[in-house]
Amino acid sequence: MILGIGTDIIEVARIQASFEKFGDRFLQRLLLPNEIKYCLSHRVPGPFIAARFAAKEAISKAFGTGIGAQLGWHDMEVGRKESGQPFVILHGKGEELLNQRAASRVLVSLSHTQAHATAIAVLES
């Protein structure tokens, strides 16, 4: 059963500009080490950073919390299977919210172009 759904879209240029201005500090605020490694493995990391930003926003909307005191940037991680399929790993407050909502998992789908990145997340029981 679906318990929550969230979506987000972001301009890649906005994320790329923040990355260029603030560098590692920006990445470390939003992403976990494996996410940073994956994004920086691309010649142009902006779309990949933006997709993870959108995913975390979408996940927070599926939980109904937004990003803040109940769910932070580092409480969610976007992993990637060998096939390229993204998956969600929850940490700390993310795991707590999953249990509080009596949910079993969060599904996520990402897409991006040079201009935009988007994500949808579904909270399932």
PDB file of N, CA and C in Angstrom:
ATOM      1  N   MET A   1       0.841  -1.172   0.000  1.00  0.00           N
ATOM      2  CA  MET A   1       0.000   0.000   0.000  1.00  0.00           C
ATOM      3  C   MET A   1       0.895   1.247   0.000  1.00  0.00           C
ATOM      4  N   ILE A   2       0.484   2.250  -0.742  1.00  0.00           N
ATOM      5  CA  ILE A   2       1.218   3.507  -0.812  1.00  0.00           C
ATOM      6  C   ILE A   2       0.838   4.371   0.390  1.00  0.00           C
ATOM      7  N   LEU A   3       1.841   4.795   1.126  1.00  0.00           N
ATOM      8  CA  LEU A   3       1.638   5.644   2.303  1.00  0.00           C
ATOM      9  C   LEU A   3       1.951   7.108   2.025  1.00  0.00           C
ATOM     10  N   GLY A   4       2.772   7.351   1.010  1.00  0.00           N
ATOM     11  CA  GLY A   4       3.148   8.720   0.678  1.00  0.00           C
ATOM     12  C   GLY A   4       3.825   8.771  -0.671  1.00  0.00           C
ATOM     13  N   ILE A   5       3.729   9.922  -1.312  1.00  0.00           N
ATOM     14  CA  ILE A   5       4.374  10.130  -2.604  1.00  0.00           C
ATOM     15  C   ILE A   5       4.943  11.538  -2.620  1.00  0.00           C
ATOM     16  N   GLY A   6       6.095  11.684  -3.249  1.00  0.00           N
ATOM     17  CA  GLY A   6       6.718  13.000  -3.343  1.00  0.00           C
ATOM     18  C   GLY A   6       7.416  13.157  -4.674  1.00  0.00           C
ATOM     19  N   THR A   7       7.511  14.379  -5.142  1.00  0.00           N
ATOM     20  CA  THR A   7       8.206  14.664  -6.393  1.00  0.00           C
ATOM     21  C   THR A   7       8.955  15.980  -6.253  1.00  0.00           C
ATOM     22  N   ASP A   8       9.979  16.138  -7.069  1.00  0.00           N
ATOM     23  CA  ASP A   8      10.728  17.393  -7.071  1.00  0.00           C
ATOM     24  C   ASP A   8      11.387  17.568  -8.431  1.00  0.00           C
ATOM     25  N   ILE A   9      11.543  18.806  -8.827  1.00  0.00           N
ATOM     26  CA  ILE A   9      12.277  19.155 -10.039  1.00  0.00           C
ATOM     27  C   ILE A   9      13.167  20.350  -9.708  1.00  0.00           C
ATOM     28  N   ILE A  10      14.366  20.355 -10.240  1.00  0.00           N
ATOM     29  CA  ILE A  10      15.338  21.415  -9.944  1.00  0.00           C
ATOM     30  C   ILE A  10      16.115  21.764 -11.214  1.00  0.00           C
ATOM     31  N   GLU A  11      16.493  23.025 -11.335  1.00  0.00           N
ATOM     32  CA  GLU A  11      17.342  23.428 -12.455  1.00  0.00           C
ATOM     33  C   GLU A  11      18.772  22.996 -12.165  1.00  0.00           C
ATOM     34  N   VAL A  12      19.362  22.290 -13.107  1.00  0.00           N
ATOM     35  CA  VAL A  12      20.739  21.816 -12.948  1.00  0.00           C
ATOM     36  C   VAL A  12      21.688  23.000 -12.785  1.00  0.00           C
ATOM     37  N   ALA A  13      21.461  24.082 -13.502  1.00  0.00           N
ATOM     38  CA  ALA A  13      22.349  25.249 -13.429  1.00  0.00           C
ATOM     39  C   ALA A  13      22.410  25.819 -12.014  1.00  0.00           C
ATOM     40  N   ARG A  14      21.307  25.783 -11.295  1.00  0.00           N
ATOM     41  CA  ARG A  14      21.277  26.292  -9.912  1.00  0.00           C
ATOM     42  C   ARG A  14      22.178  25.449  -9.009  1.00  0.00           C
ATOM     43  N   ILE A  15      22.094  24.127  -9.165  1.00  0.00           N
ATOM     44  CA  ILE A  15      22.922  23.233  -8.360  1.00  0.00           C
ATOM     45  C   ILE A  15      24.383  23.345  -8.784  1.00  0.00           C
ATOM     46  N   GLN A  16      24.635  23.407 -10.087  1.00  0.00           N
ATOM     47  CA  GLN A  16      26.004  23.520 -10.597  1.00  0.00           C
ATOM     48  C   GLN A  16      26.648  24.817 -10.101  1.00  0.00           C
ATOM     49  N   ALA A  17      25.881  25.904 -10.090  1.00  0.00           N
ATOM     50  CA  ALA A  17      26.409  27.192  -9.611  1.00  0.00           C
ATOM     51  C   ALA A  17      26.774  27.115  -8.131  1.00  0.00           C
ATOM     52  N   SER A  18      25.941  26.457  -7.330  1.00  0.00           N
ATOM     53  CA  SER A  18      26.246  26.303  -5.906  1.00  0.00           C
ATOM     54  C   SER A  18      27.481  25.444  -5.706  1.00  0.00           C
ATOM     55  N   PHE A  19      27.600  24.397  -6.500  1.00  0.00           N
ATOM     56  CA  PHE A  19      28.776  23.527  -6.423  1.00  0.00           C
ATOM     57  C   PHE A  19      30.038  24.300  -6.800  1.00  0.00           C
ATOM     58  N   GLU A  20      29.968  25.099  -7.854  1.00  0.00           N
ATOM     59  CA  GLU A  20      31.137  25.882  -8.287  1.00  0.00           C
ATOM     60  C   GLU A  20      31.507  26.936  -7.252  1.00  0.00           C
ATOM     61  N   LYS A  21      30.518  27.517  -6.605  1.00  0.00           N
ATOM     62  CA  LYS A  21      30.766  28.568  -5.623  1.00  0.00           C
ATOM     63  C   LYS A  21      31.287  28.008  -4.296  1.00  0.00           C
ATOM     64  N   PHE A  22      30.677  26.928  -3.811  1.00  0.00           N
ATOM     65  CA  PHE A  22      30.989  26.420  -2.477  1.00  0.00           C
ATOM     66  C   PHE A  22      31.774  25.110  -2.459  1.00  0.00           C
ATOM     67  N   GLY A  23      31.900  24.449  -3.604  1.00  0.00           N
ATOM     68  CA  GLY A  23      32.726  23.247  -3.725  1.00  0.00           C
ATOM     69  C   GLY A  23      32.350  22.120  -2.794  1.00  0.00           C
ATOM     70  N   ASP A  24      33.371  21.540  -2.164  1.00  0.00           N
ATOM     71  CA  ASP A  24      33.177  20.377  -1.290  1.00  0.00           C
ATOM     72  C   ASP A  24      32.228  20.661  -0.130  1.00  0.00           C
ATOM     73  N   ARG A  25      32.247  21.878   0.368  1.00  0.00           N
ATOM     74  CA  ARG A  25      31.362  22.229   1.482  1.00  0.00           C
ATOM     75  C   ARG A  25      29.896  22.044   1.093  1.00  0.00           C
ATOM     76  N   PHE A  26      29.555  22.430  -0.128  1.00  0.00           N
ATOM     77  CA  PHE A  26      28.192  22.259  -0.643  1.00  0.00           C
ATOM     78  C   PHE A  26      27.862  20.771  -0.755  1.00  0.00           C
ATOM     79  N   LEU A  27      28.766  19.997  -1.351  1.00  0.00           N
ATOM     80  CA  LEU A  27      28.530  18.567  -1.525  1.00  0.00           C
ATOM     81  C   LEU A  27      28.371  17.859  -0.187  1.00  0.00           C
ATOM     82  N   GLN A  28      29.242  18.180   0.757  1.00  0.00           N
ATOM     83  CA  GLN A  28      29.216  17.505   2.051  1.00  0.00           C
ATOM     84  C   GLN A  28      27.981  17.867   2.865  1.00  0.00           C
ATOM     85  N   ARG A  29      27.387  19.001   2.592  1.00  0.00           N
ATOM     86  CA  ARG A  29      26.158  19.391   3.285  1.00  0.00           C
ATOM     87  C   ARG A  29      24.970  18.551   2.810  1.00  0.00           C
ATOM     88  N   LEU A  30      24.964  18.206   1.512  1.00  0.00           N
ATOM     89  CA  LEU A  30      23.821  17.519   0.909  1.00  0.00           C
ATOM     90  C   LEU A  30      23.979  16.014   0.773  1.00  0.00           C
ATOM     91  N   LEU A  31      25.198  15.586   0.486  1.00  0.00           N
ATOM     92  CA  LEU A  31      25.419  14.202   0.070  1.00  0.00           C
ATOM     93  C   LEU A  31      26.324  13.446   1.021  1.00  0.00           C
ATOM     94  N   LEU A  32      26.209  12.134   0.970  1.00  0.00           N
ATOM     95  CA  LEU A  32      27.078  11.241   1.733  1.00  0.00           C
ATOM     96  C   LEU A  32      28.255  10.813   0.852  1.00  0.00           C
ATOM     97  N   PRO A  33      29.329  10.290   1.455  1.00  0.00           N
ATOM     98  CA  PRO A  33      30.550   9.996   0.691  1.00  0.00           C
ATOM     99  C   PRO A  33      30.354   9.181  -0.590  1.00  0.00           C
ATOM    100  N   ASN A  34      29.549   8.132  -0.568  1.00  0.00           N
ATOM    101  CA  ASN A  34      29.349   7.337  -1.782  1.00  0.00           C
ATOM    102  C   ASN A  34      28.621   8.122  -2.867  1.00  0.00           C
ATOM    103  N   GLU A  35      27.699   9.003  -2.473  1.00  0.00           N
ATOM    104  CA  GLU A  35      26.994   9.842  -3.438  1.00  0.00           C
ATOM    105  C   GLU A  35      27.956  10.847  -4.069  1.00  0.00           C
ATOM    106  N   ILE A  36      28.808  11.431  -3.247  1.00  0.00           N
ATOM    107  CA  ILE A  36      29.800  12.390  -3.752  1.00  0.00           C
ATOM    108  C   ILE A  36      30.729  11.693  -4.740  1.00  0.00           C
ATOM    109  N   LYS A  37      31.218  10.529  -4.360  1.00  0.00           N
ATOM    110  CA  LYS A  37      32.129   9.774  -5.233  1.00  0.00           C
ATOM    111  C   LYS A  37      31.474   9.489  -6.583  1.00  0.00           C
ATOM    112  N   TYR A  38      30.229   9.046  -6.562  1.00  0.00           N
ATOM    113  CA  TYR A  38      29.523   8.745  -7.806  1.00  0.00           C
ATOM    114  C   TYR A  38      29.354  10.008  -8.656  1.00  0.00           C
ATOM    115  N   CYS A  39      28.876  11.086  -8.058  1.00  0.00           N
ATOM    116  CA  CYS A  39      28.638  12.320  -8.813  1.00  0.00           C
ATOM    117  C   CYS A  39      29.927  12.864  -9.425  1.00  0.00           C
ATOM    118  N   LEU A  40      31.001  12.844  -8.645  1.00  0.00           N
ATOM    119  CA  LEU A  40      32.274  13.387  -9.130  1.00  0.00           C
ATOM    120  C   LEU A  40      32.974  12.462 -10.116  1.00  0.00           C
ATOM    121  N   SER A  41      32.459  11.246 -10.294  1.00  0.00           N
ATOM    122  CA  SER A  41      33.044  10.341 -11.288  1.00  0.00           C
ATOM    123  C   SER A  41      32.641  10.727 -12.709  1.00  0.00           C
ATOM    124  N   HIS A  42      31.712  11.669 -12.837  1.00  0.00           N
ATOM    125  CA  HIS A  42      31.258  12.140 -14.140  1.00  0.00           C
ATOM    126  C   HIS A  42      31.988  13.426 -14.519  1.00  0.00           C
ATOM    127  N   ARG A  43      32.244  13.562 -15.807  1.00  0.00           N
ATOM    128  CA  ARG A  43      32.942  14.751 -16.314  1.00  0.00           C
ATOM    129  C   ARG A  43      32.186  16.027 -15.960  1.00  0.00           C
ATOM    130  N   VAL A  44      30.863  15.978 -16.054  1.00  0.00           N
ATOM    131  CA  VAL A  44      30.000  17.104 -15.678  1.00  0.00           C
ATOM    132  C   VAL A  44      29.087  16.604 -14.549  1.00  0.00           C
ATOM    133  N   PRO A  45      29.454  16.881 -13.296  1.00  0.00           N
ATOM    134  CA  PRO A  45      28.706  16.308 -12.174  1.00  0.00           C
ATOM    135  C   PRO A  45      27.366  16.981 -11.871  1.00  0.00           C
ATOM    136  N   GLY A  46      27.131  18.178 -12.382  1.00  0.00           N
ATOM    137  CA  GLY A  46      25.931  18.939 -12.035  1.00  0.00           C
ATOM    138  C   GLY A  46      24.622  18.172 -12.140  1.00  0.00           C
ATOM    139  N   PRO A  47      24.330  17.509 -13.272  1.00  0.00           N
ATOM    140  CA  PRO A  47      23.057  16.790 -13.375  1.00  0.00           C
ATOM    141  C   PRO A  47      22.910  15.663 -12.347  1.00  0.00           C
ATOM    142  N   PHE A  48      24.001  15.040 -11.982  1.00  0.00           N
ATOM    143  CA  PHE A  48      23.963  13.923 -11.037  1.00  0.00           C
ATOM    144  C   PHE A  48      23.777  14.423  -9.599  1.00  0.00           C
ATOM    145  N   ILE A  49      24.409  15.545  -9.284  1.00  0.00           N
ATOM    146  CA  ILE A  49      24.196  16.172  -7.975  1.00  0.00           C
ATOM    147  C   ILE A  49      22.748  16.641  -7.879  1.00  0.00           C
ATOM    148  N   ALA A  50      22.268  17.285  -8.940  1.00  0.00           N
ATOM    149  CA  ALA A  50      20.898  17.805  -8.948  1.00  0.00           C
ATOM    150  C   ALA A  50      19.879  16.681  -8.812  1.00  0.00           C
ATOM    151  N   ALA A  51      20.121  15.542  -9.453  1.00  0.00           N
ATOM    152  CA  ALA A  51      19.191  14.414  -9.356  1.00  0.00           C
ATOM    153  C   ALA A  51      19.106  13.909  -7.919  1.00  0.00           C
ATOM    154  N   ARG A  52      20.227  13.875  -7.219  1.00  0.00           N
ATOM    155  CA  ARG A  52      20.216  13.422  -5.827  1.00  0.00           C
ATOM    156  C   ARG A  52      19.562  14.462  -4.916  1.00  0.00           C
ATOM    157  N   PHE A  53      19.775  15.725  -5.205  1.00  0.00           N
ATOM    158  CA  PHE A  53      19.081  16.793  -4.483  1.00  0.00           C
ATOM    159  C   PHE A  53      17.569  16.608  -4.639  1.00  0.00           C
ATOM    160  N   ALA A  54      17.119  16.429  -5.891  1.00  0.00           N
ATOM    161  CA  ALA A  54      15.690  16.247  -6.158  1.00  0.00           C
ATOM    162  C   ALA A  54      15.164  14.990  -5.472  1.00  0.00           C
ATOM    163  N   ALA A  55      15.961  13.921  -5.474  1.00  0.00           N
ATOM    164  CA  ALA A  55      15.530  12.671  -4.833  1.00  0.00           C
ATOM    165  C   ALA A  55      15.300  12.875  -3.339  1.00  0.00           C
ATOM    166  N   LYS A  56      16.215  13.561  -2.689  1.00  0.00           N
ATOM    167  CA  LYS A  56      16.083  13.768  -1.249  1.00  0.00           C
ATOM    168  C   LYS A  56      14.887  14.664  -0.931  1.00  0.00           C
ATOM    169  N   GLU A  57      14.643  15.659  -1.772  1.00  0.00           N
ATOM    170  CA  GLU A  57      13.443  16.488  -1.595  1.00  0.00           C
ATOM    171  C   GLU A  57      12.186  15.647  -1.783  1.00  0.00           C
ATOM    172  N   ALA A  58      12.171  14.791  -2.808  1.00  0.00           N
ATOM    173  CA  ALA A  58      11.008  13.948  -3.076  1.00  0.00           C
ATOM    174  C   ALA A  58      10.770  12.962  -1.929  1.00  0.00           C
ATOM    175  N   ILE A  59      11.841  12.386  -1.415  1.00  0.00           N
ATOM    176  CA  ILE A  59      11.721  11.451  -0.286  1.00  0.00           C
ATOM    177  C   ILE A  59      11.131  12.168   0.929  1.00  0.00           C
ATOM    178  N   SER A  60      11.625  13.361   1.202  1.00  0.00           N
ATOM    179  CA  SER A  60      11.112  14.106   2.355  1.00  0.00           C
ATOM    180  C   SER A  60       9.633  14.449   2.182  1.00  0.00           C
ATOM    181  N   LYS A  61       9.209  14.694   0.963  1.00  0.00           N
ATOM    182  CA  LYS A  61       7.790  14.971   0.693  1.00  0.00           C
ATOM    183  C   LYS A  61       6.954  13.704   0.843  1.00  0.00           C
ATOM    184  N   ALA A  62       7.504  12.553   0.429  1.00  0.00           N
ATOM    185  CA  ALA A  62       6.785  11.281   0.598  1.00  0.00           C
ATOM    186  C   ALA A  62       6.557  10.999   2.084  1.00  0.00           C
ATOM    187  N   PHE A  63       7.522  11.371   2.919  1.00  0.00           N
ATOM    188  CA  PHE A  63       7.367  11.216   4.365  1.00  0.00           C
ATOM    189  C   PHE A  63       6.449  12.290   4.952  1.00  0.00           C
ATOM    190  N   GLY A  64       6.249  13.377   4.217  1.00  0.00           N
ATOM    191  CA  GLY A  64       5.401  14.460   4.702  1.00  0.00           C
ATOM    192  C   GLY A  64       6.100  15.408   5.647  1.00  0.00           C
ATOM    193  N   THR A  65       7.432  15.416   5.616  1.00  0.00           N
ATOM    194  CA  THR A  65       8.186  16.237   6.567  1.00  0.00           C
ATOM    195  C   THR A  65       8.914  17.406   5.933  1.00  0.00           C
ATOM    196  N   GLY A  66       9.315  17.285   4.683  1.00  0.00           N
ATOM    197  CA  GLY A  66      10.247  18.233   4.108  1.00  0.00           C
ATOM    198  C   GLY A  66      11.615  18.012   4.739  1.00  0.00           C
ATOM    199  N   ILE A  67      12.598  18.773   4.291  1.00  0.00           N
ATOM    200  CA  ILE A  67      13.950  18.691   4.842  1.00  0.00           C
ATOM    201  C   ILE A  67      14.008  19.628   6.041  1.00  0.00           C
ATOM    202  N   GLY A  68      14.448  19.129   7.182  1.00  0.00           N
ATOM    203  CA  GLY A  68      14.516  19.964   8.374  1.00  0.00           C
ATOM    204  C   GLY A  68      14.808  19.134   9.599  1.00  0.00           C
ATOM    205  N   ALA A  69      14.196  19.493  10.703  1.00  0.00           N
ATOM    206  CA  ALA A  69      14.486  18.848  11.984  1.00  0.00           C
ATOM    207  C   ALA A  69      14.102  17.370  12.004  1.00  0.00           C
ATOM    208  N   GLN A  70      13.017  17.004  11.319  1.00  0.00           N
ATOM    209  CA  GLN A  70      12.574  15.606  11.341  1.00  0.00           C
ATOM    210  C   GLN A  70      13.347  14.705  10.387  1.00  0.00           C
ATOM    211  N   LEU A  71      13.913  15.282   9.321  1.00  0.00           N
ATOM    212  CA  LEU A  71      14.614  14.506   8.306  1.00  0.00           C
ATOM    213  C   LEU A  71      15.653  15.391   7.639  1.00  0.00           C
ATOM    214  N   GLY A  72      16.919  15.031   7.824  1.00  0.00           N
ATOM    215  CA  GLY A  72      18.002  15.838   7.264  1.00  0.00           C
ATOM    216  C   GLY A  72      18.589  15.230   6.001  1.00  0.00           C
ATOM    217  N   TRP A  73      19.435  16.001   5.340  1.00  0.00           N
ATOM    218  CA  TRP A  73      20.075  15.577   4.095  1.00  0.00           C
ATOM    219  C   TRP A  73      20.831  14.261   4.250  1.00  0.00           C
ATOM    220  N   HIS A  74      21.482  14.054   5.378  1.00  0.00           N
ATOM    221  CA  HIS A  74      22.298  12.858   5.581  1.00  0.00           C
ATOM    222  C   HIS A  74      21.511  11.677   6.139  1.00  0.00           C
ATOM    223  N   ASP A  75      20.205  11.856   6.354  1.00  0.00           N
ATOM    224  CA  ASP A  75      19.350  10.760   6.787  1.00  0.00           C
ATOM    225  C   ASP A  75      18.859   9.926   5.604  1.00  0.00           C
ATOM    226  N   MET A  76      19.186  10.377   4.397  1.00  0.00           N
ATOM    227  CA  MET A  76      18.772   9.700   3.164  1.00  0.00           C
ATOM    228  C   MET A  76      19.981   9.586   2.247  1.00  0.00           C
ATOM    229  N   GLU A  77      20.058   8.479   1.547  1.00  0.00           N
ATOM    230  CA  GLU A  77      21.144   8.263   0.595  1.00  0.00           C
ATOM    231  C   GLU A  77      20.562   7.603  -0.647  1.00  0.00           C
ATOM    232  N   VAL A  78      21.046   8.013  -1.802  1.00  0.00           N
ATOM    233  CA  VAL A  78      20.635   7.384  -3.052  1.00  0.00           C
ATOM    234  C   VAL A  78      21.768   6.481  -3.511  1.00  0.00           C
ATOM    235  N   GLY A  79      21.500   5.180  -3.496  1.00  0.00           N
ATOM    236  CA  GLY A  79      22.450   4.202  -3.994  1.00  0.00           C
ATOM    237  C   GLY A  79      22.134   3.891  -5.442  1.00  0.00           C
ATOM    238  N   ARG A  80      22.975   3.066  -6.034  1.00  0.00           N
ATOM    239  CA  ARG A  80      22.801   2.732  -7.444  1.00  0.00           C
ATOM    240  C   ARG A  80      23.187   1.277  -7.659  1.00  0.00           C
ATOM    241  N   LYS A  81      22.250   0.491  -8.197  1.00  0.00           N
ATOM    242  CA  LYS A  81      22.534  -0.904  -8.511  1.00  0.00           C
ATOM    243  C   LYS A  81      23.409  -0.976  -9.763  1.00  0.00           C
ATOM    244  N   GLU A  82      24.018  -2.137 -10.023  1.00  0.00           N
ATOM    245  CA  GLU A  82      24.840  -2.308 -11.225  1.00  0.00           C
ATOM    246  C   GLU A  82      24.063  -1.978 -12.491  1.00  0.00           C
ATOM    247  N   SER A  83      22.766  -2.246 -12.478  1.00  0.00           N
ATOM    248  CA  SER A  83      21.908  -1.972 -13.638  1.00  0.00           C
ATOM    249  C   SER A  83      21.699  -0.474 -13.851  1.00  0.00           C
ATOM    250  N   GLY A  84      22.056   0.331 -12.850  1.00  0.00           N
ATOM    251  CA  GLY A  84      21.825   1.767 -12.902  1.00  0.00           C
ATOM    252  C   GLY A  84      20.595   2.197 -12.119  1.00  0.00           C
ATOM    253  N   GLN A  85      19.783   1.232 -11.694  1.00  0.00           N
ATOM    254  CA  GLN A  85      18.568   1.550 -10.940  1.00  0.00           C
ATOM    255  C   GLN A  85      18.927   2.178  -9.598  1.00  0.00           C
ATOM    256  N   PRO A  86      18.335   3.346  -9.305  1.00  0.00           N
ATOM    257  CA  PRO A  86      18.591   3.968  -8.000  1.00  0.00           C
ATOM    258  C   PRO A  86      17.773   3.293  -6.902  1.00  0.00           C
ATOM    259  N   PHE A  87      18.296   3.346  -5.690  1.00  0.00           N
ATOM    260  CA  PHE A  87      17.558   2.851  -4.542  1.00  0.00           C
ATOM    261  C   PHE A  87      17.875   3.722  -3.339  1.00  0.00           C
ATOM    262  N   VAL A  88      16.985   3.677  -2.347  1.00  0.00           N
ATOM    263  CA  VAL A  88      17.096   4.538  -1.172  1.00  0.00           C
ATOM    264  C   VAL A  88      17.666   3.763   0.003  1.00  0.00           C
ATOM    265  N   ILE A  89      18.635   4.385   0.673  1.00  0.00           N
ATOM    266  CA  ILE A  89      19.183   3.874   1.923  1.00  0.00           C
ATOM    267  C   ILE A  89      18.862   4.936   2.974  1.00  0.00           C
ATOM    268  N   LEU A  90      18.184   4.519   4.023  1.00  0.00           N
ATOM    269  CA  LEU A  90      17.828   5.464   5.087  1.00  0.00           C
ATOM    270  C   LEU A  90      18.767   5.292   6.274  1.00  0.00           C
ATOM    271  N   HIS A  91      19.124   6.405   6.885  1.00  0.00           N
ATOM    272  CA  HIS A  91      20.005   6.431   8.052  1.00  0.00           C
ATOM    273  C   HIS A  91      19.314   7.240   9.149  1.00  0.00           C
ATOM    274  N   GLY A  92      19.669   6.983  10.380  1.00  0.00           N
ATOM    275  CA  GLY A  92      19.229   7.810  11.510  1.00  0.00           C
ATOM    276  C   GLY A  92      17.745   8.115  11.514  1.00  0.00           C
ATOM    277  N   LYS A  93      17.418   9.400  11.387  1.00  0.00           N
ATOM    278  CA  LYS A  93      16.024   9.841  11.447  1.00  0.00           C
ATOM    279  C   LYS A  93      15.189   9.278  10.300  1.00  0.00           C
ATOM    280  N   GLY A  94      15.829   8.971   9.184  1.00  0.00           N
ATOM    281  CA  GLY A  94      15.111   8.359   8.070  1.00  0.00           C
ATOM    282  C   GLY A  94      14.602   6.981   8.430  1.00  0.00           C
ATOM    283  N   GLU A  95      15.453   6.192   9.079  1.00  0.00           N
ATOM    284  CA  GLU A  95      15.034   4.859   9.542  1.00  0.00           C
ATOM    285  C   GLU A  95      13.927   4.976  10.587  1.00  0.00           C
ATOM    286  N   GLU A  96      14.072   5.947  11.491  1.00  0.00           N
ATOM    287  CA  GLU A  96      13.057   6.153  12.523  1.00  0.00           C
ATOM    288  C   GLU A  96      11.701   6.499  11.900  1.00  0.00           C
ATOM    289  N   LEU A  97      11.705   7.394  10.905  1.00  0.00           N
ATOM    290  CA  LEU A  97      10.455   7.764  10.246  1.00  0.00           C
ATOM    291  C   LEU A  97       9.832   6.579   9.519  1.00  0.00           C
ATOM    292  N   LEU A  98      10.662   5.763   8.879  1.00  0.00           N
ATOM    293  CA  LEU A  98      10.163   4.577   8.185  1.00  0.00           C
ATOM    294  C   LEU A  98       9.409   3.681   9.171  1.00  0.00           C
ATOM    295  N   ASN A  99       9.997   3.471  10.345  1.00  0.00           N
ATOM    296  CA  ASN A  99       9.353   2.648  11.377  1.00  0.00           C
ATOM    297  C   ASN A  99       8.104   3.321  11.938  1.00  0.00           C
ATOM    298  N   GLN A 100       8.162   4.624  12.194  1.00  0.00           N
ATOM    299  CA  GLN A 100       7.005   5.351  12.727  1.00  0.00           C
ATOM    300  C   GLN A 100       5.809   5.302  11.778  1.00  0.00           C
ATOM    301  N   ARG A 101       6.092   5.321  10.480  1.00  0.00           N
ATOM    302  CA  ARG A 101       5.031   5.309   9.468  1.00  0.00           C
ATOM    303  C   ARG A 101       4.573   3.884   9.134  1.00  0.00           C
ATOM    304  N   ALA A 102       5.192   2.894   9.804  1.00  0.00           N
ATOM    305  CA  ALA A 102       4.899   1.478   9.524  1.00  0.00           C
ATOM    306  C   ALA A 102       5.107   1.175   8.042  1.00  0.00           C
ATOM    307  N   ALA A 103       6.151   1.738   7.491  1.00  0.00           N
ATOM    308  CA  ALA A 103       6.488   1.541   6.081  1.00  0.00           C
ATOM    309  C   ALA A 103       7.584   0.489   5.953  1.00  0.00           C
ATOM    310  N   SER A 104       7.688  -0.094   4.776  1.00  0.00           N
ATOM    311  CA  SER A 104       8.715  -1.108   4.557  1.00  0.00           C
ATOM    312  C   SER A 104       9.857  -0.606   3.690  1.00  0.00           C
ATOM    313  N   ARG A 105       9.555   0.348   2.794  1.00  0.00           N
ATOM    314  CA  ARG A 105      10.610   0.852   1.910  1.00  0.00           C
ATOM    315  C   ARG A 105      10.182   2.136   1.217  1.00  0.00           C
ATOM    316  N   VAL A 106      11.190   2.788   0.627  1.00  0.00           N
ATOM    317  CA  VAL A 106      10.969   3.968  -0.196  1.00  0.00           C
ATOM    318  C   VAL A 106      11.513   3.651  -1.580  1.00  0.00           C
ATOM    319  N   LEU A 107      10.664   3.792  -2.581  1.00  0.00           N
ATOM    320  CA  LEU A 107      11.089   3.613  -3.964  1.00  0.00           C
ATOM    321  C   LEU A 107      11.393   4.985  -4.547  1.00  0.00           C
ATOM    322  N   VAL A 108      12.366   5.040  -5.466  1.00  0.00           N
ATOM    323  CA  VAL A 108      12.728   6.318  -6.057  1.00  0.00           C
ATOM    324  C   VAL A 108      13.045   6.130  -7.537  1.00  0.00           C
ATOM    325  N   SER A 109      12.710   7.137  -8.313  1.00  0.00           N
ATOM    326  CA  SER A 109      13.064   7.173  -9.724  1.00  0.00           C
ATOM    327  C   SER A 109      13.629   8.553 -10.025  1.00  0.00           C
ATOM    328  N   LEU A 110      14.726   8.591 -10.772  1.00  0.00           N
ATOM    329  CA  LEU A 110      15.412   9.836 -11.102  1.00  0.00           C
ATOM    330  C   LEU A 110      15.461  10.025 -12.611  1.00  0.00           C
ATOM    331  N   SER A 111      15.493  11.277 -13.039  1.00  0.00           N
ATOM    332  CA  SER A 111      15.714  11.586 -14.447  1.00  0.00           C
ATOM    333  C   SER A 111      16.356  12.958 -14.530  1.00  0.00           C
ATOM    334  N   HIS A 112      17.174  13.155 -15.548  1.00  0.00           N
ATOM    335  CA  HIS A 112      17.761  14.483 -15.735  1.00  0.00           C
ATOM    336  C   HIS A 112      18.124  14.729 -17.185  1.00  0.00           C
ATOM    337  N   THR A 113      18.144  16.006 -17.519  1.00  0.00           N
ATOM    338  CA  THR A 113      18.661  16.496 -18.789  1.00  0.00           C
ATOM    339  C   THR A 113      19.780  17.463 -18.426  1.00  0.00           C
ATOM    340  N   GLN A 114      20.308  18.156 -19.393  1.00  0.00           N
ATOM    341  CA  GLN A 114      21.319  19.158 -19.069  1.00  0.00           C
ATOM    342  C   GLN A 114      20.709  20.324 -18.293  1.00  0.00           C
ATOM    343  N   ALA A 115      19.409  20.539 -18.447  1.00  0.00           N
ATOM    344  CA  ALA A 115      18.758  21.693 -17.826  1.00  0.00           C
ATOM    345  C   ALA A 115      18.041  21.389 -16.515  1.00  0.00           C
ATOM    346  N   HIS A 116      17.441  20.202 -16.389  1.00  0.00           N
ATOM    347  CA  HIS A 116      16.613  19.892 -15.224  1.00  0.00           C
ATOM    348  C   HIS A 116      16.885  18.491 -14.701  1.00  0.00           C
ATOM    349  N   ALA A 117      16.659  18.321 -13.408  1.00  0.00           N
ATOM    350  CA  ALA A 117      16.690  17.006 -12.775  1.00  0.00           C
ATOM    351  C   ALA A 117      15.378  16.855 -12.022  1.00  0.00           C
ATOM    352  N   THR A 118      14.845  15.651 -12.043  1.00  0.00           N
ATOM    353  CA  THR A 118      13.585  15.398 -11.368  1.00  0.00           C
ATOM    354  C   THR A 118      13.644  14.051 -10.677  1.00  0.00           C
ATOM    355  N   ALA A 119      12.818  13.900  -9.654  1.00  0.00           N
ATOM    356  CA  ALA A 119      12.743  12.639  -8.924  1.00  0.00           C
ATOM    357  C   ALA A 119      11.332  12.455  -8.397  1.00  0.00           C
ATOM    358  N   ILE A 120      10.960  11.194  -8.249  1.00  0.00           N
ATOM    359  CA  ILE A 120       9.710  10.843  -7.603  1.00  0.00           C
ATOM    360  C   ILE A 120      10.039   9.765  -6.573  1.00  0.00           C
ATOM    361  N   ALA A 121       9.389   9.847  -5.422  1.00  0.00           N
ATOM    362  CA  ALA A 121       9.592   8.870  -4.358  1.00  0.00           C
ATOM    363  C   ALA A 121       8.240   8.373  -3.883  1.00  0.00           C
ATOM    364  N   VAL A 122       8.187   7.077  -3.569  1.00  0.00           N
ATOM    365  CA  VAL A 122       6.961   6.453  -3.080  1.00  0.00           C
ATOM    366  C   VAL A 122       7.293   5.720  -1.783  1.00  0.00           C
ATOM    367  N   LEU A 123       6.543   6.024  -0.735  1.00  0.00           N
ATOM    368  CA  LEU A 123       6.678   5.368   0.563  1.00  0.00           C
ATOM    369  C   LEU A 123       5.656   4.234   0.591  1.00  0.00           C
ATOM    370  N   GLU A 124       6.150   2.996   0.763  1.00  0.00           N
ATOM    371  CA  GLU A 124       5.293   1.814   0.735  1.00  0.00           C
ATOM    372  C   GLU A 124       5.248   1.112   2.081  1.00  0.00           C
ATOM    373  N   SER A 125       4.093   0.481   2.353  1.00  0.00           N
ATOM    374  CA  SER A 125       3.986  -0.324   3.566  1.00  0.00           C
ATOM    375  C   SER A 125       4.385  -1.756   3.254  1.00  0.00           C
TER     376      SER A 125
END
